[in-house]
Amino acid sequence: MSSFLGLNIAMKGIFASQRSIYVVDHNISNADTEGYSRQISGQTASLPLKAGRNLGMIGTGVNSTDVTRIRDIFLDKRYWEQNPKYGEWNVKSSSLYQIEAIMNETSENGLNGVMALFISSMEELCKYPESDEVRTIIRQNGEALCKYLNSSAATLTDFREDYNQCVKIKINEINSCAKQIRDLNEQIYKAELNGTIANDLRDKRDLLVDKLSQIADVEVNEIKTGTLPDGRQDIRFQVTINGQNLVSHFQVNELQCYEIDDDSINNGMYGIKWENTGNEIRIEGGELKAYLDLRDGNGEKGSYKGVPYYMNMLDTFASTLAKAFNEGIYADGIQQCSGHAAGYGLDGSTGVRFFTCNGMSSEEFMESGADTGSIYSNISAANISVSSDILADTDKLAAASSSGGAGNSENADILLSIFSDSGVFDEGMPEDYINTIVSNMGINSDYASRLSDTQESILNKIENSRISVSGVSLDEETTKLVKYQQTYNAASKMISVLDELLDTTINKMGMG
């Protein structure tokens, strides 16, 4: 047995302690690095030697094995399962809050407030049907009501276009993450061919999956595809969306946006398909699903109530109110009263419509369709307006029930009664219909907010568990640093002792 075995053992101890110190140093340096996983240096006793004459085995010191990152795959899987739900409802919560603000019912400038001013001026018209001042106020309040609806519709349209652009942005982010994951797959695969583990590269890849899972509902797997020449399993990293490969080892199947051209409500919006096959993709979760639901959801057949749903609600309000006020025809399609067109103005005019669309005159408006239904289907919240006849001359306001009655307000009384008639809308009075819109917005916004908070809480718990496993504790690393430093010093001291023993044995024994 070599006389220098002790020195070799001590040297191994120094190298093992030194390597462990380097790992601790790396952990401390990356304590605040996003996505970093704590690493530990593995050690094992080296093969012992036979002592001879059946005296047993003599140890030969320590070998450093590998540097392992501490990561719980189960927690990662749970995080990637819950992250799409948080991404979806967080976007919906913040977006619905903005949509809800359009109605602005906490302010007198909300839709109910604007309509209340119009009703109040109608009440004054019933008292003073011949007053030019009252008629001017009615025209102004009518314009204010129309402009409020116009503005609300324009804002919803802008929101929808914003969500459409967000769809494209998220697709670009998915493709970017996929390419980065593909590049890391290649780096990791090549780095690990010699049996080492590319810890830092794997951390970067997992961080990209974290980001990707918030955008879309992804599934991540490491697939065993065979055996390498050295006997190890050949493992390939795979990311799928809705069962289709987004990333498969070194290949990326990108998603592509295209403009929809089918004369539907989504005409001109972005559709999503796989670039390599052209097949449509169905998104089941994440921020991308939220933007698609907000952009396309019309509430039909149990679908999500997004911008189109609220646009339809406002359009129905505008056209139904205009038809009831102009013609006395309610939502059931039956004429229940005379309406503005049946009344008479101060100048003896009749057949004048108060509400039209796009600033049309009554005559132009009534020529815009083949029948009453088709005519009023032209009115929407975006284009409803006070007719150019009324804008030009308030004497055409039909307050009277017959010609030549300056003080006659019988038709004005009928028009005023429309706003308190529960048969105007299927939901009741005009105010009831507005409250239905506001209520739906409030319920959907509150539901999204609660789900967002719930998912955030779930995600935070999972993330805290991940941090407790993989996070770097400076106190713990400092303790390890002291331990490895003492081990290093002890091994160094052992070399000094062995050096002194060998010096005595070799140079000093037998000297007189």
Protein backbone atom coordinates (compact mmCIF):
# COMPACT_ATOMS: atom_id res chain seq x y z
CA MET A 1 0.00 0.00 0.00
CA SER A 2 1.39 3.40 -0.96
CA SER A 3 2.82 5.57 1.79
CA PHE A 4 1.21 8.52 0.07
CA LEU A 5 -2.38 7.19 0.37
CA GLY A 6 -3.11 9.60 3.20
CA LEU A 7 -2.04 12.56 1.09
CA ASN A 8 -4.29 11.39 -1.76
CA ILE A 9 -7.25 11.06 0.61
CA ALA A 10 -6.66 14.55 2.02
CA MET A 11 -6.28 15.95 -1.48
CA LYS A 12 -9.66 14.46 -2.48
CA GLY A 13 -11.18 16.04 0.61
CA ILE A 14 -9.80 19.42 -0.38
CA PHE A 15 -11.13 19.13 -3.92
CA ALA A 16 -14.56 17.95 -2.71
CA SER A 17 -14.81 20.79 -0.18
CA GLN A 18 -13.62 23.28 -2.76
CA ARG A 19 -16.26 22.12 -5.26
CA SER A 20 -18.98 22.31 -2.62
CA ILE A 21 -17.89 25.87 -1.78
CA TYR A 22 -18.19 26.80 -5.47
CA VAL A 23 -21.74 25.40 -5.56
CA VAL A 24 -22.69 27.35 -2.43
CA ASP A 25 -21.14 30.47 -3.97
CA HIS A 26 -23.26 29.90 -7.12
CA ASN A 27 -26.42 29.53 -5.01
CA ILE A 28 -25.77 32.70 -3.05
CA SER A 29 -25.01 34.66 -6.21
CA ASN A 30 -28.34 33.57 -7.75
CA ALA A 31 -30.50 33.93 -4.65
CA ASP A 32 -32.56 36.64 -6.40
CA THR A 33 -32.42 35.19 -9.91
CA GLU A 34 -35.93 34.47 -11.22
CA GLY A 35 -36.52 30.76 -11.80
CA TYR A 36 -33.23 29.65 -10.25
CA SER A 37 -33.24 26.31 -8.44
CA ARG A 38 -30.94 25.61 -5.50
CA GLN A 39 -28.10 23.21 -6.31
CA ILE A 40 -26.19 20.75 -4.16
CA SER A 41 -22.88 19.01 -4.74
CA GLY A 42 -23.05 15.24 -4.51
CA GLN A 43 -20.35 13.23 -2.74
CA THR A 44 -19.70 9.52 -2.30
CA ALA A 45 -16.99 7.47 -0.65
CA SER A 46 -14.41 6.25 -3.18
CA LEU A 47 -13.68 2.53 -3.57
CA PRO A 48 -11.72 1.13 -0.60
CA LEU A 49 -8.57 -0.97 -0.79
CA LYS A 50 -7.93 -4.36 0.78
CA ALA A 51 -5.68 -4.01 3.80
CA GLY A 52 -4.05 -7.39 3.27
CA ARG A 53 -3.84 -10.47 5.48
CA ASN A 54 -7.66 -10.36 5.82
CA LEU A 55 -7.47 -7.23 7.93
CA GLY A 56 -10.44 -5.65 6.15
CA MET A 57 -10.69 -2.62 3.86
CA ILE A 58 -9.06 0.79 4.05
CA GLY A 59 -11.00 3.77 2.77
CA THR A 60 -9.56 5.90 -0.03
CA GLY A 61 -11.42 9.15 0.60
CA VAL A 62 -14.27 10.94 -1.15
CA ASN A 63 -15.33 11.40 -4.75
CA SER A 64 -17.42 14.33 -5.99
CA THR A 65 -20.23 12.97 -8.12
CA ASP A 66 -22.63 15.46 -9.67
CA VAL A 67 -24.19 18.85 -9.04
CA THR A 68 -27.96 18.42 -8.70
CA ARG A 69 -30.63 21.07 -8.81
CA ILE A 70 -33.38 20.66 -6.23
CA ARG A 71 -36.67 20.64 -8.10
CA ASP A 72 -40.08 19.03 -7.45
CA ILE A 73 -41.54 17.92 -10.80
CA PHE A 74 -44.95 17.35 -9.21
CA LEU A 75 -45.14 20.98 -8.05
CA ASP A 76 -44.07 22.16 -11.50
CA LYS A 77 -46.87 20.14 -13.09
CA ARG A 78 -49.42 21.59 -10.67
CA TYR A 79 -48.16 25.10 -11.34
CA TRP A 80 -48.44 24.64 -15.10
CA GLU A 81 -51.97 23.25 -14.68
CA GLN A 82 -53.20 26.19 -12.58
CA ASN A 83 -51.33 29.02 -14.29
CA PRO A 84 -53.57 29.07 -17.43
CA LYS A 85 -56.65 29.48 -15.21
CA TYR A 86 -55.08 32.40 -13.41
CA GLY A 87 -53.95 33.98 -16.69
CA GLU A 88 -57.46 33.68 -18.15
CA TRP A 89 -59.42 35.07 -15.21
CA ASN A 90 -56.91 37.76 -14.34
CA VAL A 91 -57.29 39.22 -17.85
CA LYS A 92 -61.07 38.85 -17.78
CA SER A 93 -61.32 40.50 -14.37
CA SER A 94 -59.32 43.59 -15.33
CA SER A 95 -61.00 43.85 -18.75
CA LEU A 96 -64.57 43.50 -17.45
CA TYR A 97 -63.84 46.21 -14.91
CA GLN A 98 -63.08 48.54 -17.83
CA ILE A 99 -66.20 47.45 -19.71
CA GLU A 100 -68.30 47.92 -16.60
CA ALA A 101 -67.04 51.50 -16.32
CA ILE A 102 -68.70 52.31 -19.67
CA MET A 103 -72.15 52.26 -18.08
CA ASN A 104 -70.78 54.47 -15.31
CA GLU A 105 -73.92 53.95 -13.20
CA THR A 106 -72.30 55.45 -10.11
CA SER A 107 -72.42 58.80 -11.89
CA GLU A 108 -75.30 60.97 -13.07
CA ASN A 109 -73.59 60.84 -16.44
CA GLY A 110 -74.35 57.11 -16.80
CA LEU A 111 -76.98 55.79 -19.20
CA ASN A 112 -79.75 55.88 -16.60
CA GLY A 113 -78.75 59.44 -15.70
CA VAL A 114 -78.72 60.62 -19.32
CA MET A 115 -82.09 59.00 -19.97
CA ALA A 116 -83.51 60.53 -16.77
CA LEU A 117 -82.70 63.98 -18.13
CA PHE A 118 -84.53 63.17 -21.36
CA ILE A 119 -87.56 61.95 -19.40
CA SER A 120 -87.50 65.06 -17.22
CA SER A 121 -87.58 67.30 -20.29
CA MET A 122 -90.51 65.27 -21.66
CA GLU A 123 -92.36 65.96 -18.42
CA GLU A 124 -91.80 69.67 -18.98
CA LEU A 125 -93.11 69.32 -22.54
CA CYS A 126 -96.32 67.82 -21.17
CA LYS A 127 -96.74 70.97 -19.05
CA TYR A 128 -95.60 73.52 -21.62
CA PRO A 129 -96.07 72.00 -25.09
CA GLU A 130 -95.76 75.36 -26.82
CA SER A 131 -92.49 76.38 -25.12
CA ASP A 132 -89.55 76.81 -27.50
CA GLU A 133 -87.13 76.59 -24.58
CA VAL A 134 -88.54 73.24 -23.41
CA ARG A 135 -88.45 71.89 -26.96
CA THR A 136 -84.82 72.95 -27.34
CA ILE A 137 -83.94 71.15 -24.10
CA ILE A 138 -85.67 67.99 -25.33
CA ARG A 139 -83.64 68.11 -28.54
CA GLN A 140 -80.42 68.58 -26.57
CA ASN A 141 -81.20 65.76 -24.14
CA GLY A 142 -82.22 63.52 -27.04
CA GLU A 143 -78.87 64.24 -28.69
CA ALA A 144 -77.09 63.56 -25.38
CA LEU A 145 -78.82 60.17 -25.10
CA CYS A 146 -77.86 59.27 -28.67
CA LYS A 147 -74.27 60.44 -28.25
CA TYR A 148 -73.95 58.45 -25.04
CA LEU A 149 -74.98 55.31 -26.88
CA ASN A 150 -72.72 56.24 -29.82
CA SER A 151 -69.78 56.76 -27.47
CA SER A 152 -70.42 53.52 -25.55
CA ALA A 153 -70.60 51.54 -28.79
CA ALA A 154 -67.41 53.18 -30.09
CA THR A 155 -65.60 52.36 -26.84
CA LEU A 156 -66.73 48.73 -26.98
CA THR A 157 -65.59 48.56 -30.60
CA ASP A 158 -62.19 49.94 -29.56
CA PHE A 159 -61.99 47.37 -26.77
CA ARG A 160 -62.78 44.60 -29.23
CA GLU A 161 -60.07 45.78 -31.59
CA ASP A 162 -57.63 45.99 -28.67
CA TYR A 163 -58.44 42.41 -27.68
CA ASN A 164 -57.96 41.36 -31.29
CA GLN A 165 -54.49 42.91 -31.30
CA CYS A 166 -53.75 41.21 -27.97
CA VAL A 167 -54.54 37.87 -29.64
CA LYS A 168 -51.80 38.53 -32.19
CA ILE A 169 -49.39 39.71 -29.50
CA LYS A 170 -49.96 36.54 -27.46
CA ILE A 171 -49.46 34.34 -30.52
CA ASN A 172 -46.13 36.07 -31.13
CA GLU A 173 -45.18 35.51 -27.48
CA ILE A 174 -46.06 31.81 -27.74
CA ASN A 175 -43.94 31.42 -30.86
CA SER A 176 -41.07 33.31 -29.25
CA CYS A 177 -41.18 31.13 -26.12
CA ALA A 178 -41.40 28.01 -28.28
CA LYS A 179 -38.28 28.96 -30.26
CA GLN A 180 -36.35 29.72 -27.08
CA ILE A 181 -37.41 26.39 -25.59
CA ARG A 182 -36.33 24.65 -28.81
CA ASP A 183 -32.90 26.32 -28.62
CA LEU A 184 -32.53 25.36 -24.96
CA ASN A 185 -33.56 21.79 -25.78
CA GLU A 186 -30.67 21.58 -28.18
CA GLN A 187 -28.20 23.10 -25.72
CA ILE A 188 -29.38 20.85 -22.89
CA TYR A 189 -29.35 17.71 -25.01
CA LYS A 190 -25.79 18.31 -26.22
CA ALA A 191 -24.54 19.34 -22.78
CA GLU A 192 -25.96 16.20 -21.17
CA LEU A 193 -24.57 13.69 -23.69
CA ASN A 194 -21.62 13.07 -21.38
CA GLY A 195 -23.91 12.31 -18.43
CA THR A 196 -23.85 15.70 -16.71
CA ILE A 197 -27.01 17.68 -15.91
CA ALA A 198 -27.37 21.17 -17.40
CA ASN A 199 -28.97 22.66 -14.30
CA ASP A 200 -28.95 26.35 -15.20
CA LEU A 201 -30.21 25.70 -18.74
CA ARG A 202 -33.04 23.57 -17.36
CA ASP A 203 -33.99 26.42 -15.02
CA LYS A 204 -34.21 28.79 -17.97
CA ARG A 205 -36.39 26.33 -19.85
CA ASP A 206 -38.73 25.81 -16.92
CA LEU A 207 -39.06 29.58 -16.52
CA LEU A 208 -40.12 29.85 -20.16
CA VAL A 209 -42.72 27.12 -19.58
CA ASP A 210 -43.99 29.13 -16.59
CA LYS A 211 -44.49 32.13 -18.87
CA LEU A 212 -45.98 30.03 -21.66
CA SER A 213 -48.46 28.31 -19.35
CA GLN A 214 -49.95 31.66 -18.36
CA ILE A 215 -50.62 32.49 -22.01
CA ALA A 216 -52.13 29.15 -23.06
CA ASP A 217 -53.05 25.79 -21.59
CA VAL A 218 -49.93 23.72 -22.33
CA GLU A 219 -48.87 20.22 -21.43
CA VAL A 220 -45.21 19.39 -20.83
CA ASN A 221 -43.59 15.97 -21.07
CA GLU A 222 -40.15 14.42 -21.33
CA ILE A 223 -40.56 11.51 -23.73
CA LYS A 224 -38.28 8.45 -23.68
CA THR A 225 -37.52 7.67 -27.33
CA GLY A 226 -34.78 5.05 -27.09
CA THR A 227 -31.34 4.32 -25.72
CA LEU A 228 -28.10 6.24 -26.26
CA PRO A 229 -24.80 4.47 -27.10
CA ASP A 230 -23.69 4.70 -23.46
CA GLY A 231 -26.83 2.89 -22.31
CA ARG A 232 -28.67 5.94 -20.98
CA GLN A 233 -32.24 6.65 -22.07
CA ASP A 234 -32.71 9.14 -24.91
CA ILE A 235 -35.18 11.69 -23.50
CA ARG A 236 -36.87 14.38 -25.63
CA PHE A 237 -38.65 17.47 -24.24
CA GLN A 238 -42.12 18.15 -25.61
CA VAL A 239 -44.67 20.96 -25.20
CA THR A 240 -48.20 20.53 -26.57
CA ILE A 241 -51.28 22.72 -26.91
CA ASN A 242 -54.59 20.92 -27.11
CA GLY A 243 -52.81 17.67 -27.99
CA GLN A 244 -50.73 19.16 -30.83
CA ASN A 245 -46.95 19.57 -30.62
CA LEU A 246 -45.79 23.15 -30.20
CA VAL A 247 -42.23 22.08 -29.38
CA SER A 248 -40.94 18.59 -30.05
CA HIS A 249 -37.25 18.31 -29.14
CA PHE A 250 -35.46 20.43 -31.78
CA GLN A 251 -38.57 21.32 -33.80
CA VAL A 252 -41.15 24.07 -33.41
CA ASN A 253 -44.63 24.10 -34.94
CA GLU A 254 -45.51 27.77 -34.88
CA LEU A 255 -48.98 29.26 -34.55
CA GLN A 256 -50.15 31.73 -37.16
CA CYS A 257 -52.70 34.54 -37.18
CA TYR A 258 -54.83 35.12 -40.25
CA GLU A 259 -57.67 37.53 -41.01
CA ILE A 260 -61.11 35.95 -40.90
CA ASP A 261 -63.10 36.56 -44.08
CA ASP A 262 -66.55 34.99 -43.71
CA ASP A 263 -69.01 37.93 -43.42
CA SER A 264 -69.64 37.03 -39.78
CA ILE A 265 -69.26 39.30 -36.76
CA ASN A 266 -65.62 38.12 -36.63
CA ASN A 267 -64.90 39.27 -40.16
CA GLY A 268 -61.53 41.05 -40.20
CA MET A 269 -60.56 39.60 -36.81
CA TYR A 270 -57.64 37.24 -36.28
CA GLY A 271 -58.14 33.50 -36.45
CA ILE A 272 -55.45 31.10 -35.23
CA LYS A 273 -54.08 28.05 -37.04
CA TRP A 274 -51.02 25.82 -37.10
CA GLU A 275 -48.55 27.19 -39.62
CA ASN A 276 -47.36 23.77 -40.82
CA THR A 277 -50.82 22.21 -41.37
CA GLY A 278 -53.20 25.15 -41.64
CA ASN A 279 -55.54 23.46 -39.14
CA GLU A 280 -57.52 25.63 -36.73
CA ILE A 281 -56.55 25.42 -33.07
CA ARG A 282 -58.90 25.52 -30.11
CA ILE A 283 -57.49 27.38 -27.12
CA GLU A 284 -58.71 26.01 -23.80
CA GLY A 285 -57.13 28.36 -21.26
CA GLY A 286 -54.71 31.15 -20.44
CA GLU A 287 -54.57 34.81 -21.37
CA LEU A 288 -55.11 33.96 -25.02
CA LYS A 289 -58.46 32.30 -24.28
CA ALA A 290 -59.49 35.33 -22.22
CA TYR A 291 -58.84 37.71 -25.11
CA LEU A 292 -60.69 35.43 -27.54
CA ASP A 293 -63.69 35.16 -25.20
CA LEU A 294 -63.77 38.90 -24.58
CA ARG A 295 -63.48 39.59 -28.31
CA ASP A 296 -65.94 36.99 -29.62
CA GLY A 297 -68.28 36.02 -26.77
CA ASN A 298 -71.90 36.81 -27.68
CA GLY A 299 -73.50 34.85 -24.82
CA GLU A 300 -75.37 32.54 -27.19
CA LYS A 301 -75.77 28.83 -26.36
CA GLY A 302 -73.93 29.25 -23.09
CA SER A 303 -70.93 30.98 -24.64
CA TYR A 304 -69.01 33.65 -22.78
CA LYS A 305 -70.52 37.13 -22.49
CA GLY A 306 -67.85 39.30 -24.06
CA VAL A 307 -67.88 42.58 -25.95
CA PRO A 308 -70.28 41.37 -28.72
CA TYR A 309 -72.85 40.45 -26.05
CA TYR A 310 -72.85 43.94 -24.55
CA MET A 311 -72.79 45.55 -27.99
CA ASN A 312 -75.89 43.52 -28.90
CA MET A 313 -77.56 44.58 -25.66
CA LEU A 314 -76.95 48.26 -26.41
CA ASP A 315 -78.03 47.82 -30.04
CA THR A 316 -81.29 46.21 -28.89
CA PHE A 317 -81.86 49.03 -26.45
CA ALA A 318 -81.32 51.67 -29.13
CA SER A 319 -83.50 50.08 -31.82
CA THR A 320 -86.31 49.03 -29.46
CA LEU A 321 -86.48 52.42 -27.75
CA ALA A 322 -86.48 54.21 -31.12
CA LYS A 323 -89.27 52.01 -32.48
CA ALA A 324 -91.38 52.41 -29.33
CA PHE A 325 -90.89 56.19 -29.20
CA ASN A 326 -91.36 56.74 -32.93
CA GLU A 327 -94.08 54.20 -33.76
CA GLY A 328 -95.49 53.03 -30.42
CA ILE A 329 -94.38 49.47 -31.31
CA TYR A 330 -92.90 47.55 -28.38
CA ALA A 331 -90.50 44.59 -28.23
CA ASP A 332 -93.36 42.15 -28.83
CA GLY A 333 -93.90 43.72 -32.26
CA ILE A 334 -97.37 45.03 -31.41
CA GLN A 335 -98.28 48.71 -31.63
CA GLN A 336 -99.30 49.71 -28.12
CA CYS A 337 -99.65 53.48 -28.53
CA SER A 338 -99.56 56.24 -31.13
CA GLY A 339 -95.86 57.16 -30.97
CA HIS A 340 -94.18 60.34 -32.12
CA ALA A 341 -94.96 59.76 -35.79
CA ALA A 342 -98.72 59.85 -35.10
CA GLY A 343 -98.54 63.18 -33.27
CA TYR A 344 -98.49 66.74 -34.55
CA GLY A 345 -95.95 69.51 -34.23
CA LEU A 346 -96.55 73.22 -33.66
CA ASP A 347 -96.23 73.73 -37.41
CA GLY A 348 -98.92 71.11 -38.10
CA SER A 349 -96.39 68.52 -39.33
CA THR A 350 -96.98 64.82 -38.67
CA GLY A 351 -95.28 61.53 -39.55
CA VAL A 352 -91.99 62.86 -38.22
CA ARG A 353 -89.69 60.38 -36.41
CA PHE A 354 -87.72 61.64 -33.45
CA PHE A 355 -85.00 58.96 -33.61
CA THR A 356 -83.32 57.82 -36.83
CA CYS A 357 -79.79 56.69 -37.64
CA ASN A 358 -76.74 58.45 -39.03
CA GLY A 359 -78.52 61.84 -38.90
CA MET A 360 -81.14 60.85 -41.51
CA SER A 361 -84.37 62.71 -42.00
CA SER A 362 -87.62 60.86 -41.28
CA GLU A 363 -88.25 60.41 -44.98
CA GLU A 364 -84.78 59.00 -45.67
CA PHE A 365 -85.02 56.72 -42.66
CA MET A 366 -88.42 55.28 -43.65
CA GLU A 367 -87.05 54.51 -47.10
CA SER A 368 -84.11 52.54 -45.66
CA GLY A 369 -86.04 49.25 -45.47
CA ALA A 370 -88.94 47.31 -46.88
CA ASP A 371 -90.95 47.19 -43.66
CA THR A 372 -90.88 48.49 -40.12
CA GLY A 373 -88.79 45.60 -38.85
CA SER A 374 -86.09 45.98 -41.47
CA ILE A 375 -86.11 49.76 -41.13
CA TYR A 376 -85.48 49.70 -37.38
CA SER A 377 -82.93 46.92 -37.68
CA ASN A 378 -80.73 49.61 -39.23
CA ILE A 379 -80.55 51.43 -35.90
CA SER A 380 -77.75 50.48 -33.54
CA ALA A 381 -76.13 52.06 -30.52
CA ALA A 382 -73.31 53.17 -32.80
CA ASN A 383 -75.50 55.15 -35.24
CA ILE A 384 -78.69 56.17 -33.44
CA SER A 385 -79.36 59.88 -33.77
CA VAL A 386 -82.03 62.54 -33.50
CA SER A 387 -83.61 63.01 -36.92
CA SER A 388 -82.41 65.94 -39.01
CA ASP A 389 -86.04 67.21 -39.04
CA ILE A 390 -86.03 67.75 -35.27
CA LEU A 391 -82.48 69.10 -35.28
CA ALA A 392 -83.49 71.68 -37.88
CA ASP A 393 -86.81 72.71 -36.33
CA THR A 394 -88.05 71.90 -32.82
CA ASP A 395 -91.59 72.90 -33.89
CA LYS A 396 -91.75 69.42 -35.43
CA LEU A 397 -91.73 67.84 -31.98
CA ALA A 398 -95.09 66.05 -31.98
CA ALA A 399 -96.54 66.92 -28.59
CA ALA A 400 -100.13 67.33 -29.83
CA SER A 401 -102.63 64.64 -30.77
CA SER A 402 -104.19 66.79 -33.48
CA SER A 403 -103.26 69.65 -35.76
CA GLY A 404 -103.63 73.23 -34.64
CA GLY A 405 -103.55 72.63 -30.88
CA ALA A 406 -100.67 74.71 -29.55
CA GLY A 407 -101.52 73.83 -25.97
CA ASN A 408 -102.31 70.22 -26.76
CA SER A 409 -99.91 67.81 -24.98
CA GLU A 410 -101.88 64.59 -25.31
CA ASN A 411 -99.30 62.89 -27.52
CA ALA A 412 -96.48 64.09 -25.26
CA ASP A 413 -98.28 62.40 -22.36
CA ILE A 414 -98.41 59.16 -24.36
CA LEU A 415 -94.71 59.41 -25.23
CA LEU A 416 -93.84 60.03 -21.59
CA SER A 417 -95.84 56.97 -20.51
CA ILE A 418 -93.60 54.77 -22.66
CA PHE A 419 -90.78 55.18 -20.14
CA SER A 420 -92.89 53.73 -17.34
CA ASP A 421 -94.49 50.94 -19.38
CA SER A 422 -93.23 47.47 -18.44
CA GLY A 423 -94.12 46.13 -21.87
CA VAL A 424 -91.64 48.19 -23.89
CA PHE A 425 -88.87 45.60 -23.46
CA ASP A 426 -89.08 41.91 -22.69
CA GLU A 427 -87.21 42.82 -19.52
CA GLY A 428 -89.71 45.57 -18.60
CA MET A 429 -89.38 49.34 -18.73
CA PRO A 430 -86.43 51.04 -20.44
CA GLU A 431 -84.88 51.55 -17.01
CA ASP A 432 -85.31 47.85 -16.27
CA TYR A 433 -83.49 46.97 -19.47
CA ILE A 434 -80.59 49.26 -18.59
CA ASN A 435 -80.45 47.74 -15.12
CA THR A 436 -80.32 44.28 -16.76
CA ILE A 437 -77.26 45.34 -18.75
CA VAL A 438 -75.62 46.82 -15.67
CA SER A 439 -76.52 43.78 -13.57
CA ASN A 440 -75.06 41.36 -16.12
CA MET A 441 -71.88 43.41 -16.28
CA GLY A 442 -71.64 43.51 -12.50
CA ILE A 443 -72.28 39.79 -12.06
CA ASN A 444 -69.77 38.80 -14.74
CA SER A 445 -67.16 41.24 -13.44
CA ASP A 446 -67.61 40.05 -9.84
CA TYR A 447 -67.44 36.40 -10.92
CA ALA A 448 -64.24 37.00 -12.88
CA SER A 449 -62.72 38.92 -9.99
CA ARG A 450 -63.50 36.16 -7.49
CA LEU A 451 -62.10 33.46 -9.77
CA SER A 452 -59.00 35.55 -10.42
CA ASP A 453 -58.42 35.98 -6.68
CA THR A 454 -59.03 32.29 -6.05
CA GLN A 455 -56.61 31.19 -8.78
CA GLU A 456 -54.02 33.69 -7.62
CA SER A 457 -54.27 32.26 -4.11
CA ILE A 458 -53.89 28.69 -5.41
CA LEU A 459 -50.97 29.69 -7.60
CA ASN A 460 -49.25 31.54 -4.75
CA LYS A 461 -49.51 28.48 -2.52
CA ILE A 462 -47.97 26.29 -5.19
CA GLU A 463 -45.25 28.86 -5.87
CA ASN A 464 -44.48 29.13 -2.14
CA SER A 465 -44.16 25.34 -2.04
CA ARG A 466 -41.81 25.46 -5.02
CA ILE A 467 -39.73 28.16 -3.35
CA SER A 468 -39.56 26.15 -0.12
CA VAL A 469 -38.10 23.27 -2.13
CA SER A 470 -36.02 25.03 -4.77
CA GLY A 471 -35.40 28.48 -3.34
CA VAL A 472 -32.09 29.63 -1.93
CA SER A 473 -31.94 30.31 1.82
CA LEU A 474 -29.01 32.60 2.55
CA ASP A 475 -28.89 31.42 6.17
CA GLU A 476 -28.72 27.78 5.09
CA GLU A 477 -26.10 28.47 2.42
CA THR A 478 -23.99 30.46 4.89
CA THR A 479 -24.11 27.52 7.30
CA LYS A 480 -22.99 25.19 4.52
CA LEU A 481 -20.22 27.60 3.59
CA VAL A 482 -18.85 27.50 7.14
CA LYS A 483 -19.08 23.69 7.18
CA TYR A 484 -17.25 23.27 3.86
CA GLN A 485 -14.66 25.84 4.90
CA GLN A 486 -13.92 23.87 8.06
CA THR A 487 -13.76 20.64 6.04
CA TYR A 488 -11.34 22.28 3.64
CA ASN A 489 -9.18 23.55 6.53
CA ALA A 490 -9.22 20.13 8.20
CA ALA A 491 -8.15 18.40 4.97
CA SER A 492 -5.38 21.00 4.55
CA LYS A 493 -4.27 20.38 8.14
CA MET A 494 -4.21 16.66 7.41
CA ILE A 495 -1.80 17.26 4.54
CA SER A 496 0.46 19.26 6.87
CA VAL A 497 0.42 16.45 9.45
CA LEU A 498 1.11 13.75 6.84
CA ASP A 499 3.87 15.88 5.34
CA GLU A 500 5.50 16.12 8.75
CA LEU A 501 5.15 12.37 9.32
CA LEU A 502 6.67 11.54 5.94
CA ASP A 503 9.47 14.02 6.46
CA THR A 504 10.31 12.42 9.79
CA THR A 505 10.08 8.93 8.32
CA ILE A 506 12.13 9.66 5.22
CA ASN A 507 14.61 12.27 6.27
CA LYS A 508 15.10 11.98 10.02
CA MET A 509 14.83 8.33 11.06
CA GLY A 510 18.24 6.69 11.66
CA MET A 511 20.05 9.98 12.08
CA GLY A 512 22.33 10.15 15.11
